[in-house]
Amino acid sequence: MLDGVRRWLAESGAEPTPARVAQALREQGRVLGDAEVLGAAEQLRSELVGSGPLEPLLTDSSVTDVLVSAPDRVWVDRGGGLELTPVSFPDAAAVRRLAQRLATVAGRRLDDARPWVDARLPDGTRLHAVLPPVSVDCTCLSLRVVRPRAFTLDELTAAGTVPPGGDRVLRALLRARLSFLVSGGTGSGKTTLLSALLGLVGPHERIVLAEDSAELRPEHPHVVRLETRPANQEGAGLVTLEDLVRQALRMRPDRLVVGEVRGPEVVHLLAALNTGHEGGCGTVHANAAVDVPARLEALGTVAGLDRAALHSQLAAALSVVLHLVRDGAGRRRIAEVHVLERDPSGLVRTVPALRWGAEAFVAERGWQRLRELLRGAGYDERAVGREVQEC
């Protein structure tokens, strides 16, 4: 029945309104009640302009990720790890059609010649899809839901991402205008934490965001958002993250933020943080906070910056690394806070200052250094000293 209605609508060019659906049903000789017509119209609307069977999952406020790996294997993440849902597609072709339609909505191409896409839908949802034969068995579809409102730091503390009292340390970090990176693996909550922290920036400051895919949504009155753009089919129009960082520097930022440091833009970011742009920040993929200098070194090498120059820039540009992990139960939390220092060879390394504790952050050997940084910026260390357990 639905296939026949779909063909009639396609041939006539009509919108899938209840009246048009009823007319299409009559054209097929079907007599249905009002409830059945409305149900058919809603299902068609979901398939033609919505997200098909995934629509209820994407509208669930508790869902952060929707993953499709087979017609009958649809997973969601509600913050406690992946859960298999009863949602399913008729067949693999239906998954492919949905992926291609969503890519078209995002203004991207997805076909055999370009079998993957990474894009942002109009509502902010992050789309990634891979077609067979690159994905061996079925089209793989990944959707990351962007909340219309950023979490507050108090909400993250209540959810367990930040330990009790840890919000005072983070507020002190922002007030002291220390430059920092949020590190962690995919889905560990880097963007969520960074959005919450940017919401603490003073309302008189101008925040300029440079992102590959616009996901940061800080609750702040003065935010300028820049997003990269892929090349068109003729190979023109490419705008890289490196381009955005360079342009952001000319936009009088009080806080320069790079959504994810993943390439040559690291050179421009470090240069900016060394020229009076205090309080800059961003995210980076890393296995642990201690691995961040090596990760940035690798990115700097790609950009043509030698090791000694990179570490010199890094030592002067960044002060703190906040590292996020997902525990065995799938909960996101700040596992450790490191400060940066130079070793006798001149290379930068990270030193543990705080680590996760069930009752509060637990001080490590770098805590004294972090406390000095906060005090050196004119912030009262007593405001945070009570919230940290001394070892």
Protein backbone atom coordinates (compact mmCIF):
# COMPACT_ATOMS: atom_id res chain seq x y z
CA MET A 1 0.00 0.00 0.00
CA LEU A 2 2.71 2.49 1.00
CA ASP A 3 4.77 1.68 -2.09
CA GLY A 4 1.77 2.49 -4.27
CA VAL A 5 1.13 5.76 -2.45
CA ARG A 6 4.80 6.67 -2.73
CA ARG A 7 4.78 6.07 -6.49
CA TRP A 8 1.62 8.14 -6.95
CA LEU A 9 3.07 11.06 -4.95
CA ALA A 10 6.34 10.88 -6.89
CA GLU A 11 4.59 10.87 -10.26
CA SER A 12 2.23 13.70 -9.34
CA GLY A 13 4.83 15.76 -7.46
CA ALA A 14 2.38 16.25 -4.59
CA GLU A 15 3.29 16.87 -0.96
CA PRO A 16 2.58 13.93 1.41
CA THR A 17 -0.29 15.74 3.18
CA PRO A 18 -3.18 13.71 4.67
CA ALA A 19 -5.47 14.91 1.85
CA ARG A 20 -3.00 13.88 -0.86
CA VAL A 21 -2.38 10.52 0.81
CA ALA A 22 -6.14 9.90 0.98
CA GLN A 23 -6.41 10.78 -2.72
CA ALA A 24 -3.53 8.40 -3.51
CA LEU A 25 -5.26 5.64 -1.59
CA ARG A 26 -8.52 6.25 -3.46
CA GLU A 27 -6.62 6.06 -6.75
CA GLN A 28 -5.60 2.55 -5.73
CA GLY A 29 -9.19 1.60 -4.93
CA ARG A 30 -8.59 1.45 -1.16
CA VAL A 31 -11.18 2.62 1.34
CA LEU A 32 -9.67 3.46 4.73
CA GLY A 33 -10.77 5.28 7.86
CA ASP A 34 -9.44 8.64 8.99
CA ALA A 35 -7.08 7.07 11.55
CA GLU A 36 -5.54 4.78 8.94
CA VAL A 37 -5.10 7.66 6.47
CA LEU A 38 -3.41 9.83 9.11
CA GLY A 39 -1.16 6.92 10.10
CA ALA A 40 -0.13 6.34 6.50
CA ALA A 41 0.51 10.06 6.02
CA GLU A 42 2.70 10.24 9.10
CA GLN A 43 4.69 7.18 8.08
CA LEU A 44 5.24 8.60 4.60
CA ARG A 45 6.23 12.01 5.98
CA SER A 46 8.79 10.30 8.21
CA GLU A 47 10.22 8.38 5.25
CA LEU A 48 10.21 11.25 2.77
CA VAL A 49 11.28 14.24 4.89
CA GLY A 50 12.16 12.77 8.28
CA SER A 51 14.43 10.01 9.53
CA GLY A 52 12.20 7.04 8.81
CA PRO A 53 12.19 4.36 11.54
CA LEU A 54 14.87 6.34 13.42
CA GLU A 55 12.59 9.34 13.98
CA PRO A 56 11.36 8.28 17.47
CA LEU A 57 14.93 7.62 18.60
CA LEU A 58 16.25 10.97 17.40
CA THR A 59 13.43 12.85 19.12
CA ASP A 60 14.12 11.08 22.44
CA SER A 61 15.87 13.70 24.61
CA SER A 62 17.89 11.01 26.43
CA VAL A 63 19.52 9.65 23.23
CA THR A 64 22.93 11.00 22.23
CA ASP A 65 23.87 8.56 19.43
CA VAL A 66 21.94 6.35 16.99
CA LEU A 67 23.95 3.68 15.17
CA VAL A 68 22.72 1.40 12.38
CA SER A 69 24.93 -1.53 11.42
CA ALA A 70 22.28 -3.79 9.81
CA PRO A 71 18.56 -3.57 9.03
CA ASP A 72 17.73 -5.24 12.34
CA ARG A 73 20.68 -3.89 14.36
CA VAL A 74 19.88 -0.36 15.50
CA TRP A 75 21.69 0.82 18.61
CA VAL A 76 21.36 3.90 20.80
CA ASP A 77 23.46 5.47 23.51
CA ARG A 78 21.67 7.17 26.38
CA GLY A 79 24.82 7.89 28.35
CA GLY A 80 25.17 4.43 29.85
CA GLY A 81 26.64 2.52 26.90
CA LEU A 82 25.11 1.10 23.73
CA GLU A 83 21.65 -0.48 23.83
CA LEU A 84 20.07 -2.59 21.09
CA THR A 85 16.61 -1.27 20.15
CA PRO A 86 13.61 -3.09 18.63
CA VAL A 87 13.65 -0.64 15.68
CA SER A 88 14.35 -2.25 12.31
CA PHE A 89 14.34 -1.55 8.57
CA PRO A 90 12.62 -3.73 5.93
CA ASP A 91 15.95 -4.50 4.26
CA ALA A 92 19.46 -3.21 3.57
CA ALA A 93 18.19 -1.16 0.62
CA ALA A 94 15.98 0.85 3.00
CA VAL A 95 19.02 1.74 5.14
CA ARG A 96 20.90 2.84 2.03
CA ARG A 97 17.99 5.00 0.83
CA LEU A 98 17.74 6.74 4.19
CA ALA A 99 21.49 7.38 4.33
CA GLN A 100 21.48 8.85 0.81
CA ARG A 101 18.44 11.03 1.51
CA LEU A 102 19.95 12.41 4.73
CA ALA A 103 23.19 13.12 2.86
CA THR A 104 21.20 15.03 0.23
CA VAL A 105 19.46 17.04 2.96
CA ALA A 106 22.92 17.95 4.30
CA GLY A 107 23.98 19.06 0.82
CA ARG A 108 26.43 16.21 0.32
CA ARG A 109 26.86 13.43 -2.21
CA LEU A 110 26.65 9.75 -1.23
CA ASP A 111 26.87 7.11 -3.97
CA ASP A 112 29.16 4.42 -5.36
CA ALA A 113 31.66 7.04 -6.54
CA ARG A 114 31.75 8.72 -3.09
CA PRO A 115 30.77 5.91 -0.68
CA TRP A 116 31.03 7.82 2.61
CA VAL A 117 29.88 11.14 4.00
CA ASP A 118 30.51 13.17 7.14
CA ALA A 119 28.11 16.09 7.44
CA ARG A 120 25.76 18.06 9.65
CA LEU A 121 21.99 18.01 9.15
CA PRO A 122 19.99 21.26 9.36
CA ASP A 123 18.95 20.55 12.96
CA GLY A 124 22.60 20.11 13.99
CA THR A 125 22.64 16.30 14.05
CA ARG A 126 26.02 14.89 13.01
CA LEU A 127 25.72 12.40 10.14
CA HIS A 128 28.24 9.78 9.11
CA ALA A 129 27.45 7.04 6.61
CA VAL A 130 29.41 4.42 4.68
CA LEU A 131 27.98 2.45 1.75
CA PRO A 132 28.79 -1.12 0.64
CA PRO A 133 31.15 -2.53 -0.46
CA VAL A 134 33.26 -0.32 1.80
CA SER A 135 30.99 -1.37 4.66
CA VAL A 136 30.90 -5.06 3.93
CA ASP A 137 27.43 -6.21 4.94
CA CYS A 138 25.18 -3.17 4.98
CA THR A 139 25.19 0.61 4.89
CA CYS A 140 26.51 1.84 8.24
CA LEU A 141 24.78 4.93 9.54
CA SER A 142 25.88 6.96 12.59
CA LEU A 143 23.90 9.91 13.91
CA ARG A 144 25.05 12.05 16.82
CA VAL A 145 22.30 14.17 18.29
CA VAL A 146 23.23 17.72 19.24
CA ARG A 147 21.23 19.06 22.16
CA PRO A 148 19.49 22.37 21.43
CA ARG A 149 20.81 23.56 24.80
CA ALA A 150 24.25 22.90 26.26
CA PHE A 151 24.57 21.11 29.58
CA THR A 152 25.48 23.36 32.46
CA LEU A 153 28.44 22.54 34.68
CA ASP A 154 26.03 21.86 37.54
CA GLU A 155 24.19 19.31 35.38
CA LEU A 156 27.46 17.57 34.48
CA THR A 157 28.38 17.44 38.17
CA ALA A 158 24.98 15.94 39.00
CA ALA A 159 25.43 13.39 36.19
CA GLY A 160 28.83 12.32 37.53
CA THR A 161 30.98 13.69 34.71
CA VAL A 162 32.57 16.10 37.18
CA PRO A 163 33.30 14.88 40.74
CA PRO A 164 31.66 16.66 43.68
CA GLY A 165 33.32 20.04 44.16
CA GLY A 166 35.22 19.66 40.90
CA ASP A 167 33.13 22.40 39.33
CA ARG A 168 34.96 24.93 41.53
CA VAL A 169 38.28 23.89 40.06
CA LEU A 170 36.91 24.23 36.52
CA ARG A 171 35.34 27.60 37.26
CA ALA A 172 38.71 28.75 38.60
CA LEU A 173 40.36 27.52 35.41
CA LEU A 174 38.05 29.69 33.29
CA ARG A 175 38.30 32.69 35.59
CA ALA A 176 42.11 32.48 35.50
CA ARG A 177 42.03 32.52 31.65
CA LEU A 178 44.35 29.52 31.40
CA SER A 179 44.59 27.91 27.95
CA PHE A 180 43.58 24.25 27.95
CA LEU A 181 42.72 21.22 25.85
CA VAL A 182 40.00 18.67 26.49
CA SER A 183 41.28 15.23 25.44
CA GLY A 184 39.65 11.83 25.20
CA GLY A 185 38.34 9.20 22.84
CA THR A 186 35.38 9.36 20.48
CA GLY A 187 32.12 9.78 22.38
CA SER A 188 33.82 10.49 25.71
CA GLY A 189 32.03 13.84 26.11
CA LYS A 190 34.72 16.29 25.01
CA THR A 191 32.35 18.59 23.13
CA THR A 192 29.74 18.43 25.89
CA LEU A 193 32.24 19.45 28.57
CA LEU A 194 33.78 22.19 26.43
CA SER A 195 30.35 23.69 25.67
CA ALA A 196 29.55 23.76 29.38
CA LEU A 197 32.87 25.41 30.23
CA LEU A 198 32.47 28.07 27.53
CA GLY A 199 29.15 28.96 29.10
CA LEU A 200 31.13 30.16 32.15
CA VAL A 201 33.09 32.73 30.16
CA GLY A 202 32.25 36.31 31.11
CA PRO A 203 29.43 37.85 29.07
CA HIS A 204 31.68 40.73 28.00
CA GLU A 205 34.09 38.36 26.20
CA ARG A 206 33.85 37.44 22.50
CA ILE A 207 34.16 33.73 21.72
CA VAL A 208 35.09 32.67 18.18
CA LEU A 209 34.57 28.98 17.38
CA ALA A 210 36.29 27.19 14.50
CA GLU A 211 34.92 23.67 13.91
CA ASP A 212 35.00 20.95 11.31
CA SER A 213 31.34 20.26 12.11
CA ALA A 214 29.50 22.86 14.20
CA GLU A 215 28.66 21.00 17.40
CA LEU A 216 29.63 23.42 20.17
CA ARG A 217 26.59 25.32 21.45
CA PRO A 218 27.69 27.28 24.50
CA GLU A 219 25.11 29.28 26.43
CA HIS A 220 26.84 32.62 25.92
CA PRO A 221 25.64 35.97 24.53
CA HIS A 222 28.60 36.63 22.20
CA VAL A 223 29.59 33.62 20.12
CA VAL A 224 30.79 33.61 16.50
CA ARG A 225 30.62 30.18 14.87
CA LEU A 226 32.72 29.17 11.86
CA GLU A 227 32.43 25.80 10.07
CA THR A 228 34.52 24.10 7.40
CA ARG A 229 33.17 23.34 3.93
CA PRO A 230 34.08 20.51 1.54
CA ALA A 231 35.01 21.08 -2.06
CA ASN A 232 32.25 20.90 -4.66
CA GLN A 233 32.16 18.38 -7.48
CA GLU A 234 34.56 20.55 -9.48
CA GLY A 235 37.03 20.49 -6.60
CA ALA A 236 36.55 24.18 -5.72
CA GLY A 237 35.30 25.93 -2.60
CA LEU A 238 37.19 23.90 0.01
CA VAL A 239 37.44 25.64 3.40
CA THR A 240 39.66 23.86 5.92
CA LEU A 241 39.93 24.18 9.68
CA GLU A 242 43.34 25.77 9.12
CA ASP A 243 41.61 28.46 7.04
CA LEU A 244 39.07 29.07 9.78
CA VAL A 245 41.68 29.44 12.52
CA ARG A 246 43.56 31.95 10.37
CA GLN A 247 40.37 33.96 9.79
CA ALA A 248 39.32 33.74 13.43
CA LEU A 249 42.51 35.50 14.46
CA ARG A 250 41.36 38.54 12.47
CA MET A 251 37.97 38.65 14.20
CA ARG A 252 39.16 40.08 17.51
CA PRO A 253 38.52 36.98 19.65
CA ASP A 254 38.79 37.13 23.44
CA ARG A 255 38.64 33.32 23.42
CA LEU A 256 39.72 31.36 20.35
CA VAL A 257 38.24 27.86 20.35
CA VAL A 258 39.07 25.03 17.93
CA GLY A 259 36.37 22.36 18.11
CA GLU A 260 38.83 19.59 17.39
CA VAL A 261 42.55 19.93 16.74
CA ARG A 262 43.26 17.29 14.12
CA GLY A 263 45.66 18.72 11.54
CA PRO A 264 47.85 21.63 10.42
CA GLU A 265 45.61 24.10 12.26
CA VAL A 266 47.53 23.19 15.43
CA VAL A 267 50.33 25.51 14.25
CA HIS A 268 48.03 28.52 13.96
CA LEU A 269 46.29 27.73 17.24
CA LEU A 270 49.57 27.56 19.17
CA ALA A 271 50.80 30.71 17.45
CA ALA A 272 47.58 32.52 18.42
CA LEU A 273 47.86 31.45 22.05
CA ASN A 274 51.38 32.81 22.07
CA THR A 275 50.32 36.25 20.85
CA GLY A 276 48.05 37.43 23.64
CA HIS A 277 44.96 35.29 23.04
CA GLU A 278 44.66 33.95 26.58
CA GLY A 279 42.06 31.43 27.58
CA GLY A 280 41.96 29.64 24.23
CA CYS A 281 40.90 26.02 24.19
CA GLY A 282 39.88 23.08 22.05
CA THR A 283 39.56 19.31 21.95
CA VAL A 284 41.93 16.60 20.76
CA HIS A 285 41.71 12.82 20.45
CA ALA A 286 44.16 11.07 22.77
CA ASN A 287 44.32 7.85 24.77
CA ALA A 288 45.46 9.64 27.93
CA ALA A 289 46.49 13.12 29.04
CA VAL A 290 50.13 12.04 29.04
CA ASP A 291 49.86 11.32 25.29
CA VAL A 292 48.68 14.81 24.33
CA PRO A 293 52.17 16.30 23.66
CA ALA A 294 53.02 13.38 21.36
CA ARG A 295 49.69 13.77 19.57
CA LEU A 296 50.26 17.49 18.99
CA GLU A 297 53.83 16.77 17.92
CA ALA A 298 52.55 14.41 15.22
CA LEU A 299 50.06 17.03 14.00
CA GLY A 300 52.75 19.72 13.99
CA THR A 301 55.06 17.51 11.94
CA VAL A 302 52.37 17.18 9.27
CA ALA A 303 52.21 20.99 9.17
CA GLY A 304 55.98 21.23 8.69
CA LEU A 305 56.83 22.37 12.25
CA ASP A 306 59.92 20.64 13.62
CA ARG A 307 59.90 18.99 17.02
CA ALA A 308 61.87 21.62 18.91
CA ALA A 309 59.76 24.49 17.56
CA LEU A 310 56.51 22.67 18.33
CA HIS A 311 57.49 22.01 21.94
CA SER A 312 58.66 25.61 22.40
CA GLN A 313 55.30 26.87 21.16
CA LEU A 314 53.43 24.30 23.23
CA ALA A 315 55.24 25.18 26.45
CA ALA A 316 54.25 28.83 26.15
CA ALA A 317 50.75 28.31 24.73
CA LEU A 318 49.01 25.66 26.85
CA SER A 319 48.71 25.19 30.59
CA VAL A 320 46.21 22.41 31.33
CA VAL A 321 44.81 19.18 29.85
CA LEU A 322 41.42 17.81 30.96
CA HIS A 323 41.11 14.14 30.02
CA LEU A 324 37.76 12.37 29.71
CA VAL A 325 37.05 8.64 29.65
CA ARG A 326 34.07 6.31 29.57
CA ASP A 327 34.08 3.85 32.45
CA GLY A 328 32.99 0.21 32.29
CA ALA A 329 29.34 1.22 32.65
CA GLY A 330 29.59 3.68 29.77
CA ARG A 331 29.49 6.79 31.98
CA ARG A 332 31.58 9.77 30.90
CA ARG A 333 33.79 11.39 33.51
CA ILE A 334 36.89 13.55 33.90
CA ALA A 335 39.56 10.96 34.68
CA GLU A 336 42.49 13.33 35.20
CA VAL A 337 43.72 16.90 35.01
CA HIS A 338 47.34 17.49 33.95
CA VAL A 339 49.56 20.55 33.83
CA LEU A 340 52.30 21.03 31.24
CA GLU A 341 55.98 21.50 32.03
CA ARG A 342 59.30 21.24 30.15
CA ASP A 343 61.75 18.49 31.02
CA PRO A 344 65.55 19.04 31.05
CA SER A 345 65.75 18.22 27.34
CA GLY A 346 63.35 21.05 26.52
CA LEU A 347 60.46 18.80 25.53
CA VAL A 348 57.00 19.35 27.01
CA ARG A 349 55.41 16.67 29.13
CA THR A 350 52.22 16.52 31.17
CA VAL A 351 52.23 16.10 34.93
CA PRO A 352 49.20 14.71 36.80
CA ALA A 353 47.64 17.40 38.99
CA LEU A 354 44.24 15.88 39.80
CA ARG A 355 42.58 12.53 39.29
CA TRP A 356 39.03 11.33 39.57
CA GLY A 357 37.71 10.58 43.04
CA ALA A 358 34.22 9.49 44.06
CA GLU A 359 34.02 12.23 46.70
CA ALA A 360 36.24 14.89 45.07
CA PHE A 361 39.26 15.35 42.83
CA VAL A 362 42.34 13.74 44.39
CA ALA A 363 45.53 15.81 44.31
CA GLU A 364 48.59 14.48 42.49
CA ARG A 365 52.13 15.83 42.35
CA GLY A 366 51.22 18.53 39.81
CA TRP A 367 48.50 20.01 42.02
CA GLN A 368 50.88 22.54 43.54
CA ARG A 369 51.81 23.74 40.03
CA LEU A 370 48.16 24.09 39.04
CA ARG A 371 47.42 25.97 42.25
CA GLU A 372 50.27 28.35 41.47
CA LEU A 373 48.87 28.97 37.98
CA LEU A 374 45.50 29.84 39.42
CA ARG A 375 47.03 32.06 42.09
CA GLY A 376 49.39 33.69 39.59
CA ALA A 377 46.37 34.76 37.55
CA GLY A 378 44.92 36.50 40.58
CA TYR A 379 42.41 33.83 41.60
CA ASP A 380 41.95 32.99 45.27
CA GLU A 381 43.26 29.44 45.70
CA ARG A 382 41.23 28.99 48.87
CA ALA A 383 38.13 28.87 46.68
CA VAL A 384 39.30 25.58 45.20
CA GLY A 385 41.64 24.20 47.83
CA ARG A 386 38.80 22.93 50.00
CA GLU A 387 37.39 20.89 47.09
CA VAL A 388 40.49 18.74 46.52
CA GLN A 389 41.56 15.75 48.60
CA GLU A 390 45.24 15.92 49.40
CA CYS A 391 47.12 12.66 48.89
